[in-house]
Protein backbone atom coordinates (compact mmCIF):
# COMPACT_ATOMS: atom_id res chain seq x y z
CA UNK A 1 -11.52 -14.48 -11.08
CA UNK A 2 -10.87 -16.65 -7.90
CA UNK A 3 -7.61 -17.16 -6.02
CA UNK A 4 -5.45 -19.87 -7.68
CA UNK A 5 -2.45 -21.93 -6.96
CA UNK A 6 -1.68 -22.29 -10.86
CA UNK A 7 -1.01 -18.88 -12.46
CA UNK A 8 -2.52 -18.94 -15.99
CA UNK A 9 0.14 -19.17 -18.76
CA UNK A 10 -0.68 -15.63 -20.17
CA UNK A 11 0.46 -13.85 -17.04
CA UNK A 12 3.85 -12.56 -16.59
CA UNK A 13 5.80 -10.90 -13.58
CA UNK A 14 5.26 -7.14 -13.36
CA UNK A 15 8.88 -6.09 -13.03
CA UNK A 16 8.41 -2.24 -12.81
CA UNK A 17 8.69 -2.42 -8.96
CA UNK A 18 10.51 -4.50 -6.72
CA UNK A 19 9.64 -4.28 -3.12
CA UNK A 20 12.52 -6.39 -1.75
CA UNK A 21 14.74 -3.47 -2.76
CA UNK A 22 12.61 -0.73 -1.02
CA UNK A 23 14.46 1.15 1.80
CA UNK A 24 13.89 4.80 1.15
CA UNK A 25 10.44 4.09 -0.14
CA UNK A 26 9.43 2.24 3.24
CA UNK A 27 10.89 5.30 4.86
CA UNK A 28 8.35 7.45 2.86
CA UNK A 29 5.48 5.15 3.71
CA UNK A 30 6.39 5.36 7.42
CA UNK A 31 6.40 9.16 7.25
CA UNK A 32 2.95 8.84 5.62
CA UNK A 33 1.80 6.57 8.42
CA UNK A 34 2.74 9.25 10.95
CA UNK A 35 0.81 11.93 9.06
CA UNK A 36 -2.12 9.58 8.72
CA UNK A 37 -2.12 9.03 12.36
CA UNK A 38 -2.03 12.66 13.23
CA UNK A 39 -4.86 13.26 10.87
CA UNK A 40 -6.96 10.57 12.18
CA UNK A 41 -6.25 11.65 15.83
CA UNK A 42 -7.66 15.15 15.17
CA UNK A 43 -10.69 13.78 13.15
CA UNK A 44 -11.74 11.17 15.78
CA UNK A 45 -10.93 13.81 18.54
CA UNK A 46 -13.41 16.11 16.86
CA UNK A 47 -16.05 13.57 16.45
CA UNK A 48 -15.72 12.55 20.15
CA UNK A 49 -16.21 16.15 21.09
CA UNK A 50 -19.19 16.50 18.82
CA UNK A 51 -20.74 13.24 20.24
CA UNK A 52 -19.57 13.48 23.94
CA UNK A 53 -19.45 17.26 24.88
CA UNK A 54 -18.75 16.23 28.28
CA UNK A 55 -15.40 14.62 27.40
CA UNK A 56 -12.38 16.26 29.11
CA UNK A 57 -8.93 15.02 27.74
CA UNK A 58 -6.79 14.05 30.68
CA UNK A 59 -3.85 16.33 31.32
CA UNK A 60 -0.62 14.44 30.36
CA UNK A 61 1.19 13.21 33.30
CA UNK A 62 4.58 11.31 33.26
CA UNK A 63 5.52 9.67 36.56
CA UNK A 64 9.01 8.93 37.33
CA UNK A 65 10.34 5.34 37.11
CA UNK A 66 8.12 3.54 39.54
CA UNK A 67 5.49 0.69 39.80
CA UNK A 68 2.89 3.27 38.58
CA UNK A 69 4.85 3.91 35.52
CA UNK A 70 5.09 0.31 34.55
CA UNK A 71 1.24 -0.10 35.28
CA UNK A 72 0.53 2.79 32.85
CA UNK A 73 2.80 1.27 30.19
CA UNK A 74 1.02 -2.17 30.52
CA UNK A 75 -2.31 -0.55 30.38
CA UNK A 76 -1.41 1.01 26.93
CA UNK A 77 0.70 -1.88 25.64
CA UNK A 78 -1.77 -4.59 26.32
CA UNK A 79 -4.75 -2.94 24.38
CA UNK A 80 -2.35 -2.15 21.40
CA UNK A 81 -1.11 -5.76 21.20
CA UNK A 82 -4.72 -6.86 21.36
CA UNK A 83 -5.37 -4.39 18.63
CA UNK A 84 -2.75 -5.63 16.39
CA UNK A 85 -3.68 -9.32 16.86
CA UNK A 86 -7.39 -8.48 15.89
CA UNK A 87 -5.95 -6.63 12.81
CA UNK A 88 -3.89 -9.50 11.66
CA UNK A 89 -6.55 -12.22 12.53
CA UNK A 90 -8.99 -10.36 10.30
CA UNK A 91 -6.30 -10.68 7.40
CA UNK A 92 -5.94 -14.18 8.25
CA UNK A 93 -9.66 -14.98 8.42
CA UNK A 94 -10.35 -13.48 4.95
CA UNK A 95 -7.46 -15.16 3.34
CA UNK A 96 -8.72 -18.42 4.81
CA UNK A 97 -12.19 -17.70 3.40
CA UNK A 98 -10.83 -17.13 -0.08
CA UNK A 99 -8.25 -19.86 -0.31
CA UNK A 100 -9.62 -22.46 2.29
CA UNK A 101 -5.97 -22.70 3.76
CA UNK A 102 -4.64 -21.01 6.96
CA UNK A 103 -1.93 -18.48 6.04
CA UNK A 104 1.46 -18.28 7.72
CA UNK A 105 2.56 -15.51 10.10
CA UNK A 106 5.75 -13.76 9.30
CA UNK A 107 7.57 -11.40 11.80
CA UNK A 108 10.34 -9.17 10.56
CA UNK A 109 11.93 -5.64 11.22
CA UNK A 110 9.03 -4.33 8.84
CA UNK A 111 6.46 -5.91 11.30
CA UNK A 112 4.10 -8.78 11.28
CA UNK A 113 2.68 -9.86 8.00
CA UNK A 114 0.41 -12.71 6.62
CA UNK A 115 1.61 -15.04 4.03
CA UNK A 116 0.06 -17.70 1.67
CA UNK A 117 3.10 -18.16 -0.71
CA UNK A 118 1.46 -20.86 -2.93
CA UNK A 119 -1.61 -18.69 -3.76
CA UNK A 120 -2.20 -16.01 -6.28
CA UNK A 121 -4.96 -13.70 -5.42
CA UNK A 122 -6.91 -11.53 -7.71
CA UNK A 123 -6.43 -7.75 -7.42
CA UNK A 124 -9.95 -6.90 -6.15
CA UNK A 125 -9.79 -9.60 -3.50
CA UNK A 126 -6.33 -8.52 -2.54
CA UNK A 127 -7.49 -4.91 -1.89
CA UNK A 128 -10.36 -6.26 0.31
CA UNK A 129 -8.07 -8.35 2.23
CA UNK A 130 -5.63 -5.29 2.66
CA UNK A 131 -8.30 -2.73 3.82
CA UNK A 132 -10.87 -4.90 5.66
CA UNK A 133 -8.94 -4.57 9.07
CA UNK A 134 -8.56 -0.78 9.16
CA UNK A 135 -12.25 -0.51 7.97
CA UNK A 136 -13.68 -2.87 10.42
CA UNK A 137 -11.65 -1.53 13.28
CA UNK A 138 -12.26 2.10 12.25
CA UNK A 139 -15.98 1.73 12.15
CA UNK A 140 -16.11 -0.22 15.45
CA UNK A 141 -14.25 2.41 17.14
CA UNK A 142 -16.82 5.09 15.87
CA UNK A 143 -19.67 2.87 16.86
CA UNK A 144 -18.31 2.66 20.44
CA UNK A 145 -18.07 6.43 21.03
CA UNK A 146 -21.47 6.92 22.49
CA UNK A 147 -21.24 3.84 24.75
CA UNK A 148 -17.65 3.97 26.14
CA UNK A 149 -17.32 5.53 29.51
CA UNK A 150 -15.36 8.83 29.74
CA UNK A 151 -12.48 7.36 31.67
CA UNK A 152 -11.71 5.20 28.40
CA UNK A 153 -12.68 7.63 25.81
CA UNK A 154 -8.91 8.78 25.73
CA UNK A 155 -7.68 5.18 25.22
CA UNK A 156 -10.37 4.58 22.29
CA UNK A 157 -9.02 7.53 20.56
CA UNK A 158 -5.29 6.47 21.11
CA UNK A 159 -6.29 2.87 19.65
CA UNK A 160 -8.24 4.32 16.71
CA UNK A 161 -5.16 6.57 15.86
CA UNK A 162 -2.76 3.64 16.10
CA UNK A 163 -5.24 1.49 14.08
CA UNK A 164 -5.20 3.93 11.18
CA UNK A 165 -1.51 4.91 11.52
CA UNK A 166 -0.21 1.40 11.73
CA UNK A 167 -2.21 0.38 8.56
CA UNK A 168 -0.04 2.83 6.38
CA UNK A 169 1.72 -0.16 4.46
CA UNK A 170 -2.01 -1.54 3.84
CA UNK A 171 -3.17 1.80 2.66
CA UNK A 172 -0.35 2.86 0.41
CA UNK A 173 0.02 -0.63 -1.13
CA UNK A 174 -3.75 -0.51 -1.91
CA UNK A 175 -3.54 2.84 -3.45
CA UNK A 176 -0.82 1.79 -5.64
CA UNK A 177 -2.54 -1.65 -6.53
CA UNK A 178 -5.89 0.34 -7.53
CA UNK A 179 -3.79 1.75 -10.38
CA UNK A 180 -3.51 -1.83 -11.84
CA UNK A 181 -6.01 -3.67 -13.95
CA UNK A 182 -8.53 -5.79 -11.89
CA UNK A 183 -7.39 -8.88 -13.86
CA UNK A 184 -3.96 -8.74 -12.24
CA UNK A 185 -2.86 -11.46 -9.62
CA UNK A 186 -0.83 -10.83 -6.55
CA UNK A 187 1.18 -12.99 -4.13
CA UNK A 188 1.02 -12.02 -0.50
CA UNK A 189 4.65 -11.06 -0.57
CA UNK A 190 3.43 -8.11 -2.86
CA UNK A 191 4.69 -9.48 -6.27
CA UNK A 192 2.19 -8.66 -9.04
CA UNK A 193 1.54 -10.80 -12.12
CA UNK A 194 -0.16 -9.04 -15.21
CA UNK A 195 -1.77 -10.12 -18.48
CA UNK A 196 -0.51 -7.62 -20.94
CA UNK A 197 -3.36 -8.24 -23.51
CA UNK A 198 -5.66 -6.77 -20.65
CA UNK A 199 -3.77 -3.70 -19.84
CA UNK A 200 -6.39 -1.71 -21.79
CA UNK A 201 -8.75 -2.28 -18.85
CA UNK A 202 -6.80 0.39 -17.16
CA UNK A 203 -7.83 4.06 -17.78
CA UNK A 204 -5.22 6.42 -19.17
CA UNK A 205 -5.50 8.47 -16.02
CA UNK A 206 -4.68 5.46 -13.73
CA UNK A 207 -1.81 4.42 -16.09
CA UNK A 208 -0.17 7.92 -15.98
CA UNK A 209 -0.54 8.05 -12.21
CA UNK A 210 1.06 4.61 -12.03
CA UNK A 211 3.96 5.67 -14.26
CA UNK A 212 4.46 8.67 -12.11
CA UNK A 213 4.48 6.77 -8.93
CA UNK A 214 6.95 4.09 -10.15
CA UNK A 215 9.15 6.80 -11.34
CA UNK A 216 9.39 8.27 -8.00
CA UNK A 217 9.95 4.93 -6.40
CA UNK A 218 12.62 4.18 -8.93
CA UNK A 219 14.48 7.28 -7.97
CA UNK A 220 14.26 6.40 -4.39
CA UNK A 221 15.24 2.81 -4.71
CA UNK A 222 16.52 2.02 -8.27
CA UNK A 223 15.79 -1.43 -9.73
CA UNK A 224 19.28 -2.03 -10.83
CA UNK A 225 20.54 -1.29 -7.26
CA UNK A 226 22.80 -4.30 -6.08
CA UNK A 227 22.04 -5.79 -2.80
C-alpha cells in the first residue's frame, strides 16, 4: 500500500470515533503525557547516573525577577523551541518522502501539527510518521549521554523528558491506530478510512481492546454531542 490522493471506492469513513469532538479525551491524553514525562525523567536520570557516576544534579535555584532570571528562561526556552522544531521537521521530512509534497504547518491551541489534507496514508506508514521523531530524538539523547559535558547533562535530561512527554498525542494515537487493520488509510487530521471486507485481518484480541477504548472515549466525548 502507498499513499494516495484517490481513496479506493471500497473504503468508507470509520465513524466510531470523532476527534473533532474530543475535549475530555484530550485532557486524559495530556495527563498521560505528564505521567509519561515523569517516567521518562526517572528512567533517563537512572541511565545518566549509571553511565556518568560523576554526575551531580544541580541544586534548584529560583532567582528573583532580574536579568539573570530572563537569561535562565531563555537558556531553557531556546533549546525547547529547537527541539520542537526538529520534532516537527522529522514529521515533515517523512511525509514529503512518502508523498513528494511538502505538508502544511498548522498551529492551534492543541499545539503544532503537520497536515497534508489531500493525501490518504496507509496505517503502517502513518505509524512510522507518528513515532519517528520521538524514537530518533530519544535515541539521539541516549547516544549523547557519554559525550556531553557534566554542565549540560541536566539540560539533556530535561530535553529528553520534554521530547517524550510532549509526544503524548503521537504515542496515544499510535497505540489506538495499532488496533486497526494495516489495510486502513488515514488523513493527517486523524480521520480513518477502512475496508470492511478486510476487518478479519485484525486479531480478535485487538478488536476487543479497540471496542473497549472506543467505549471509554464515547463516555468522555459522546459522538452525538452537539457542538
